[in-house]
N, C-alpha and C. Protein backbone atom coordinates (compact mmCIF):
# COMPACT_ATOMS: atom_id res chain seq x y z
N UNK A 1 100.58 -38.65 87.91
CA UNK A 1 101.46 -39.55 88.63
C UNK A 1 102.30 -38.72 89.62
N UNK A 2 102.23 -39.01 90.89
CA UNK A 2 103.02 -38.26 91.87
C UNK A 2 104.51 -38.61 91.77
N UNK A 3 105.34 -37.62 91.99
CA UNK A 3 106.79 -37.80 91.97
C UNK A 3 107.19 -38.60 93.21
N UNK A 4 107.99 -39.65 93.03
CA UNK A 4 108.41 -40.45 94.16
C UNK A 4 109.82 -40.12 94.62
N UNK A 5 110.61 -39.49 93.80
CA UNK A 5 111.98 -39.11 94.16
C UNK A 5 111.92 -37.99 95.20
N UNK A 6 112.37 -38.27 96.41
CA UNK A 6 112.28 -37.30 97.51
C UNK A 6 113.09 -36.04 97.24
N UNK A 7 114.23 -36.20 96.61
CA UNK A 7 115.07 -35.04 96.28
C UNK A 7 114.32 -34.09 95.35
N UNK A 8 113.63 -34.65 94.38
CA UNK A 8 112.88 -33.85 93.40
C UNK A 8 111.64 -33.26 94.04
N UNK A 9 110.90 -34.05 94.81
CA UNK A 9 109.64 -33.56 95.37
C UNK A 9 109.86 -32.40 96.33
N UNK A 10 111.05 -32.32 96.93
CA UNK A 10 111.33 -31.23 97.84
C UNK A 10 112.02 -30.04 97.20
N UNK A 11 112.23 -30.10 95.90
CA UNK A 11 112.99 -29.05 95.20
C UNK A 11 112.07 -27.93 94.71
N UNK A 12 112.49 -26.71 94.90
CA UNK A 12 111.74 -25.55 94.38
C UNK A 12 112.31 -25.20 93.01
N UNK A 13 111.64 -25.68 91.97
CA UNK A 13 112.09 -25.42 90.61
C UNK A 13 111.95 -23.95 90.26
N UNK A 14 112.92 -23.45 89.52
CA UNK A 14 112.93 -22.08 88.99
C UNK A 14 112.83 -21.02 90.09
N UNK A 15 113.38 -21.31 91.24
CA UNK A 15 113.29 -20.44 92.41
C UNK A 15 113.71 -19.00 92.09
N UNK A 16 114.84 -18.82 91.42
CA UNK A 16 115.33 -17.47 91.13
C UNK A 16 114.39 -16.71 90.20
N UNK A 17 113.72 -17.41 89.35
CA UNK A 17 112.78 -16.74 88.45
C UNK A 17 111.54 -16.29 89.23
N UNK A 18 111.08 -17.12 90.16
CA UNK A 18 109.94 -16.72 90.99
C UNK A 18 110.27 -15.51 91.85
N UNK A 19 111.52 -15.39 92.27
CA UNK A 19 111.89 -14.29 93.17
C UNK A 19 112.19 -12.99 92.41
N UNK A 20 112.14 -13.02 91.09
CA UNK A 20 112.42 -11.83 90.27
C UNK A 20 111.13 -11.41 89.57
N UNK A 21 110.65 -10.23 89.86
CA UNK A 21 109.36 -9.78 89.30
C UNK A 21 109.39 -9.60 87.78
N UNK A 22 110.58 -9.62 87.18
CA UNK A 22 110.68 -9.54 85.72
C UNK A 22 110.01 -10.74 85.05
N UNK A 23 110.01 -11.85 85.74
CA UNK A 23 109.43 -13.08 85.19
C UNK A 23 108.04 -13.28 85.78
N UNK A 24 107.00 -13.23 84.95
CA UNK A 24 105.63 -13.39 85.46
C UNK A 24 105.40 -14.81 85.99
N UNK A 25 104.87 -14.87 87.21
CA UNK A 25 104.67 -16.17 87.86
C UNK A 25 103.83 -17.13 87.03
N UNK A 26 102.82 -16.62 86.35
CA UNK A 26 101.95 -17.55 85.61
C UNK A 26 102.69 -18.24 84.46
N UNK A 27 103.72 -17.58 83.92
CA UNK A 27 104.51 -18.22 82.86
C UNK A 27 105.57 -19.11 83.50
N UNK A 28 106.17 -18.66 84.58
CA UNK A 28 107.14 -19.49 85.29
C UNK A 28 106.46 -20.77 85.78
N UNK A 29 105.21 -20.67 86.19
CA UNK A 29 104.45 -21.87 86.59
C UNK A 29 104.42 -22.90 85.47
N UNK A 30 104.27 -22.42 84.25
CA UNK A 30 104.24 -23.35 83.10
C UNK A 30 105.59 -24.02 82.92
N UNK A 31 106.67 -23.26 83.14
CA UNK A 31 108.01 -23.84 83.07
C UNK A 31 108.23 -24.88 84.15
N UNK A 32 107.77 -24.57 85.34
CA UNK A 32 107.87 -25.52 86.45
C UNK A 32 107.11 -26.80 86.11
N UNK A 33 105.95 -26.67 85.51
CA UNK A 33 105.15 -27.83 85.11
C UNK A 33 105.89 -28.68 84.08
N UNK A 34 106.62 -28.04 83.18
CA UNK A 34 107.42 -28.79 82.19
C UNK A 34 108.46 -29.64 82.90
N UNK A 35 109.15 -29.05 83.87
CA UNK A 35 110.18 -29.79 84.60
C UNK A 35 109.57 -30.93 85.41
N UNK A 36 108.42 -30.71 86.01
CA UNK A 36 107.76 -31.78 86.77
C UNK A 36 107.30 -32.90 85.84
N UNK A 37 106.80 -32.55 84.66
CA UNK A 37 106.42 -33.60 83.69
C UNK A 37 107.65 -34.40 83.26
N UNK A 38 108.79 -33.71 83.10
CA UNK A 38 110.02 -34.42 82.77
C UNK A 38 110.34 -35.44 83.87
N UNK A 39 110.23 -35.04 85.11
CA UNK A 39 110.48 -35.97 86.22
C UNK A 39 109.51 -37.14 86.18
N UNK A 40 108.25 -36.87 85.93
CA UNK A 40 107.26 -37.94 85.83
C UNK A 40 107.62 -38.91 84.71
N UNK A 41 108.05 -38.37 83.57
CA UNK A 41 108.42 -39.24 82.44
C UNK A 41 109.64 -40.08 82.79
N UNK A 42 110.62 -39.48 83.47
CA UNK A 42 111.80 -40.24 83.86
C UNK A 42 111.40 -41.38 84.80
N UNK A 43 110.53 -41.10 85.74
CA UNK A 43 110.10 -42.15 86.67
C UNK A 43 109.29 -43.23 85.96
N UNK A 44 108.46 -42.82 85.00
CA UNK A 44 107.62 -43.80 84.29
C UNK A 44 108.43 -44.62 83.29
N UNK A 45 109.32 -43.97 82.55
CA UNK A 45 110.04 -44.65 81.47
C UNK A 45 111.38 -45.22 81.91
N UNK A 46 111.91 -44.74 83.03
CA UNK A 46 113.18 -45.19 83.57
C UNK A 46 114.26 -45.35 82.49
N UNK A 47 114.71 -44.22 81.93
CA UNK A 47 115.75 -44.31 80.88
C UNK A 47 116.98 -45.07 81.39
N UNK A 48 117.50 -45.93 80.55
CA UNK A 48 118.60 -46.80 80.97
C UNK A 48 119.97 -46.21 80.69
N UNK A 49 120.02 -45.17 79.87
CA UNK A 49 121.32 -44.58 79.57
C UNK A 49 121.15 -43.09 79.24
N UNK A 50 122.27 -42.43 79.02
CA UNK A 50 122.23 -40.99 78.77
C UNK A 50 121.45 -40.64 77.51
N UNK A 51 121.56 -41.44 76.48
CA UNK A 51 120.85 -41.14 75.24
C UNK A 51 119.34 -41.12 75.47
N UNK A 52 118.85 -42.06 76.24
CA UNK A 52 117.41 -42.09 76.54
C UNK A 52 117.02 -40.89 77.41
N UNK A 53 117.86 -40.53 78.35
CA UNK A 53 117.60 -39.34 79.17
C UNK A 53 117.60 -38.09 78.31
N UNK A 54 118.59 -37.97 77.42
CA UNK A 54 118.67 -36.79 76.55
C UNK A 54 117.44 -36.65 75.67
N UNK A 55 116.90 -37.75 75.21
CA UNK A 55 115.68 -37.70 74.40
C UNK A 55 114.53 -37.08 75.20
N UNK A 56 114.42 -37.47 76.46
CA UNK A 56 113.36 -36.92 77.32
C UNK A 56 113.62 -35.45 77.64
N UNK A 57 114.85 -35.12 77.99
CA UNK A 57 115.14 -33.74 78.38
C UNK A 57 115.05 -32.79 77.19
N UNK A 58 115.43 -33.26 76.03
CA UNK A 58 115.34 -32.40 74.85
C UNK A 58 113.89 -32.17 74.43
N UNK A 59 113.03 -33.14 74.64
CA UNK A 59 111.60 -32.93 74.38
C UNK A 59 111.06 -31.87 75.34
N UNK A 60 111.48 -31.92 76.60
CA UNK A 60 111.05 -30.91 77.58
C UNK A 60 111.61 -29.54 77.21
N UNK A 61 112.83 -29.51 76.70
CA UNK A 61 113.45 -28.25 76.26
C UNK A 61 112.63 -27.62 75.14
N UNK A 62 112.13 -28.43 74.25
CA UNK A 62 111.29 -27.91 73.16
C UNK A 62 110.01 -27.28 73.71
N UNK A 63 109.49 -27.82 74.81
CA UNK A 63 108.34 -27.20 75.45
C UNK A 63 108.72 -25.82 75.99
N UNK A 64 109.93 -25.70 76.55
CA UNK A 64 110.40 -24.38 77.00
C UNK A 64 110.53 -23.43 75.82
N UNK A 65 110.95 -23.93 74.68
CA UNK A 65 111.06 -23.08 73.49
C UNK A 65 109.73 -22.40 73.19
N UNK A 66 108.65 -23.14 73.35
CA UNK A 66 107.33 -22.59 73.05
C UNK A 66 106.88 -21.57 74.09
N UNK A 67 107.51 -21.55 75.26
CA UNK A 67 107.15 -20.57 76.29
C UNK A 67 107.70 -19.18 75.98
N UNK A 68 108.69 -19.08 75.12
CA UNK A 68 109.30 -17.78 74.83
C UNK A 68 108.25 -16.75 74.41
N UNK A 69 107.32 -17.14 73.57
CA UNK A 69 106.28 -16.20 73.12
C UNK A 69 105.42 -15.74 74.30
N UNK A 70 105.15 -16.64 75.24
CA UNK A 70 104.36 -16.26 76.41
C UNK A 70 105.12 -15.29 77.31
N UNK A 71 106.41 -15.52 77.46
CA UNK A 71 107.22 -14.57 78.22
C UNK A 71 107.18 -13.20 77.54
N UNK A 72 107.38 -13.19 76.24
CA UNK A 72 107.38 -11.92 75.51
C UNK A 72 106.04 -11.20 75.61
N UNK A 73 104.95 -11.94 75.51
CA UNK A 73 103.62 -11.34 75.61
C UNK A 73 103.40 -10.71 76.99
N UNK A 74 104.11 -11.22 77.99
CA UNK A 74 103.98 -10.70 79.35
C UNK A 74 105.06 -9.66 79.67
N UNK A 75 105.79 -9.23 78.62
CA UNK A 75 106.81 -8.20 78.82
C UNK A 75 108.11 -8.73 79.39
N UNK A 76 108.40 -9.98 79.18
CA UNK A 76 109.59 -10.63 79.71
C UNK A 76 110.25 -11.42 78.59
N UNK A 77 111.26 -12.18 78.92
CA UNK A 77 111.89 -13.07 77.96
C UNK A 77 112.76 -14.08 78.69
N UNK A 78 113.13 -15.13 77.98
CA UNK A 78 114.09 -16.08 78.53
C UNK A 78 115.46 -15.52 78.19
N UNK A 79 116.01 -14.76 79.14
CA UNK A 79 117.30 -14.11 78.94
C UNK A 79 118.37 -14.81 79.78
N UNK A 80 119.52 -14.17 79.94
CA UNK A 80 120.67 -14.82 80.56
C UNK A 80 120.36 -15.47 81.90
N UNK A 81 119.75 -14.74 82.82
CA UNK A 81 119.44 -15.31 84.15
C UNK A 81 118.51 -16.50 84.00
N UNK A 82 117.46 -16.34 83.23
CA UNK A 82 116.50 -17.44 83.04
C UNK A 82 117.16 -18.65 82.40
N UNK A 83 117.99 -18.42 81.39
CA UNK A 83 118.68 -19.54 80.73
C UNK A 83 119.49 -20.35 81.74
N UNK A 84 120.22 -19.63 82.60
CA UNK A 84 121.05 -20.33 83.59
C UNK A 84 120.21 -21.08 84.61
N UNK A 85 119.14 -20.45 85.08
CA UNK A 85 118.26 -21.10 86.06
C UNK A 85 117.62 -22.35 85.47
N UNK A 86 117.12 -22.24 84.26
CA UNK A 86 116.47 -23.38 83.61
C UNK A 86 117.49 -24.50 83.40
N UNK A 87 118.66 -24.16 82.88
CA UNK A 87 119.70 -25.17 82.64
C UNK A 87 120.11 -25.86 83.94
N UNK A 88 120.27 -25.09 85.01
CA UNK A 88 120.62 -25.68 86.30
C UNK A 88 119.56 -26.66 86.78
N UNK A 89 118.30 -26.34 86.56
CA UNK A 89 117.25 -27.27 87.00
C UNK A 89 117.20 -28.52 86.12
N UNK A 90 117.52 -28.40 84.85
CA UNK A 90 117.62 -29.61 84.02
C UNK A 90 118.74 -30.50 84.56
N UNK A 91 119.88 -29.90 84.92
CA UNK A 91 120.98 -30.70 85.45
C UNK A 91 120.59 -31.28 86.81
N UNK A 92 119.91 -30.51 87.63
CA UNK A 92 119.43 -31.03 88.92
C UNK A 92 118.60 -32.28 88.70
N UNK A 93 117.66 -32.24 87.77
CA UNK A 93 116.80 -33.39 87.49
C UNK A 93 117.64 -34.59 87.09
N UNK A 94 118.56 -34.38 86.15
CA UNK A 94 119.41 -35.50 85.71
C UNK A 94 120.17 -36.10 86.88
N UNK A 95 120.79 -35.27 87.69
CA UNK A 95 121.59 -35.79 88.80
C UNK A 95 120.71 -36.43 89.88
N UNK A 96 119.53 -35.90 90.11
CA UNK A 96 118.63 -36.48 91.10
C UNK A 96 118.20 -37.90 90.73
N UNK A 97 118.20 -38.18 89.44
CA UNK A 97 117.84 -39.52 88.97
C UNK A 97 119.06 -40.38 88.66
N UNK A 98 120.23 -39.94 89.15
CA UNK A 98 121.43 -40.77 89.03
C UNK A 98 122.28 -40.54 87.80
N UNK A 99 121.93 -39.58 86.97
CA UNK A 99 122.69 -39.30 85.76
C UNK A 99 123.67 -38.15 86.00
N UNK A 100 124.57 -38.33 86.95
CA UNK A 100 125.49 -37.26 87.32
C UNK A 100 126.52 -36.96 86.23
N UNK A 101 126.68 -37.86 85.30
CA UNK A 101 127.62 -37.65 84.20
C UNK A 101 126.98 -36.92 83.00
N UNK A 102 125.72 -36.57 83.13
CA UNK A 102 125.01 -35.86 82.04
C UNK A 102 125.65 -34.48 81.82
N UNK A 103 125.69 -34.08 80.57
CA UNK A 103 126.21 -32.76 80.19
C UNK A 103 125.02 -31.83 80.01
N UNK A 104 125.04 -30.71 80.70
CA UNK A 104 123.89 -29.80 80.67
C UNK A 104 123.60 -29.33 79.25
N UNK A 105 124.63 -29.06 78.46
CA UNK A 105 124.40 -28.59 77.09
C UNK A 105 123.70 -29.65 76.24
N UNK A 106 123.96 -30.89 76.54
CA UNK A 106 123.29 -31.97 75.81
C UNK A 106 121.86 -32.16 76.30
N UNK A 107 121.64 -31.94 77.60
CA UNK A 107 120.29 -32.04 78.15
C UNK A 107 119.35 -31.05 77.47
N UNK A 108 119.86 -29.85 77.16
CA UNK A 108 119.04 -28.78 76.59
C UNK A 108 119.48 -28.44 75.16
N UNK A 109 120.01 -29.42 74.45
CA UNK A 109 120.57 -29.18 73.11
C UNK A 109 119.56 -28.61 72.12
N UNK A 110 118.28 -28.85 72.33
CA UNK A 110 117.27 -28.40 71.37
C UNK A 110 116.76 -26.99 71.69
N UNK A 111 117.38 -26.31 72.63
CA UNK A 111 116.90 -24.98 73.03
C UNK A 111 117.13 -23.96 71.93
N UNK A 112 116.25 -22.97 71.89
CA UNK A 112 116.45 -21.82 71.00
C UNK A 112 116.42 -20.53 71.81
N UNK A 113 116.72 -20.62 73.08
CA UNK A 113 116.78 -19.47 73.97
C UNK A 113 118.18 -19.34 74.51
C-alpha cells in the first residue's frame, strides 16, 4: 500500500543513521521499513485515539527490538544516537498523522534499547 501522507512520503527516515558509517545501511534499511510499515498501518487502520496509535507504535517498537541482534552481528548497536534518531522518527510519524499530543516515551514504551 503506497503512503498517501505527503509529509511522510517526503521524509528521509533514520537520516542520521544512514550518514554514520557505524550503522550498516542494510540494517538501517530494515529499520526504515519498520517505520514505513507503521505509516501504512496508521493509514489503513486510522487509529481514532492515542491508545490505538500507541498499540501500533509499540508493535513497531518490538520489531526494532529484534533488530538489535542484527546490529550487533554487523559490529554495531542501537546506542544513544540511534535511540534518539529512532525515537524522533516515531514522534515524527505520530505528529504527521495528527497526533501531536503523543508522548514519545509512550510511543516506544516496549523498547529494550
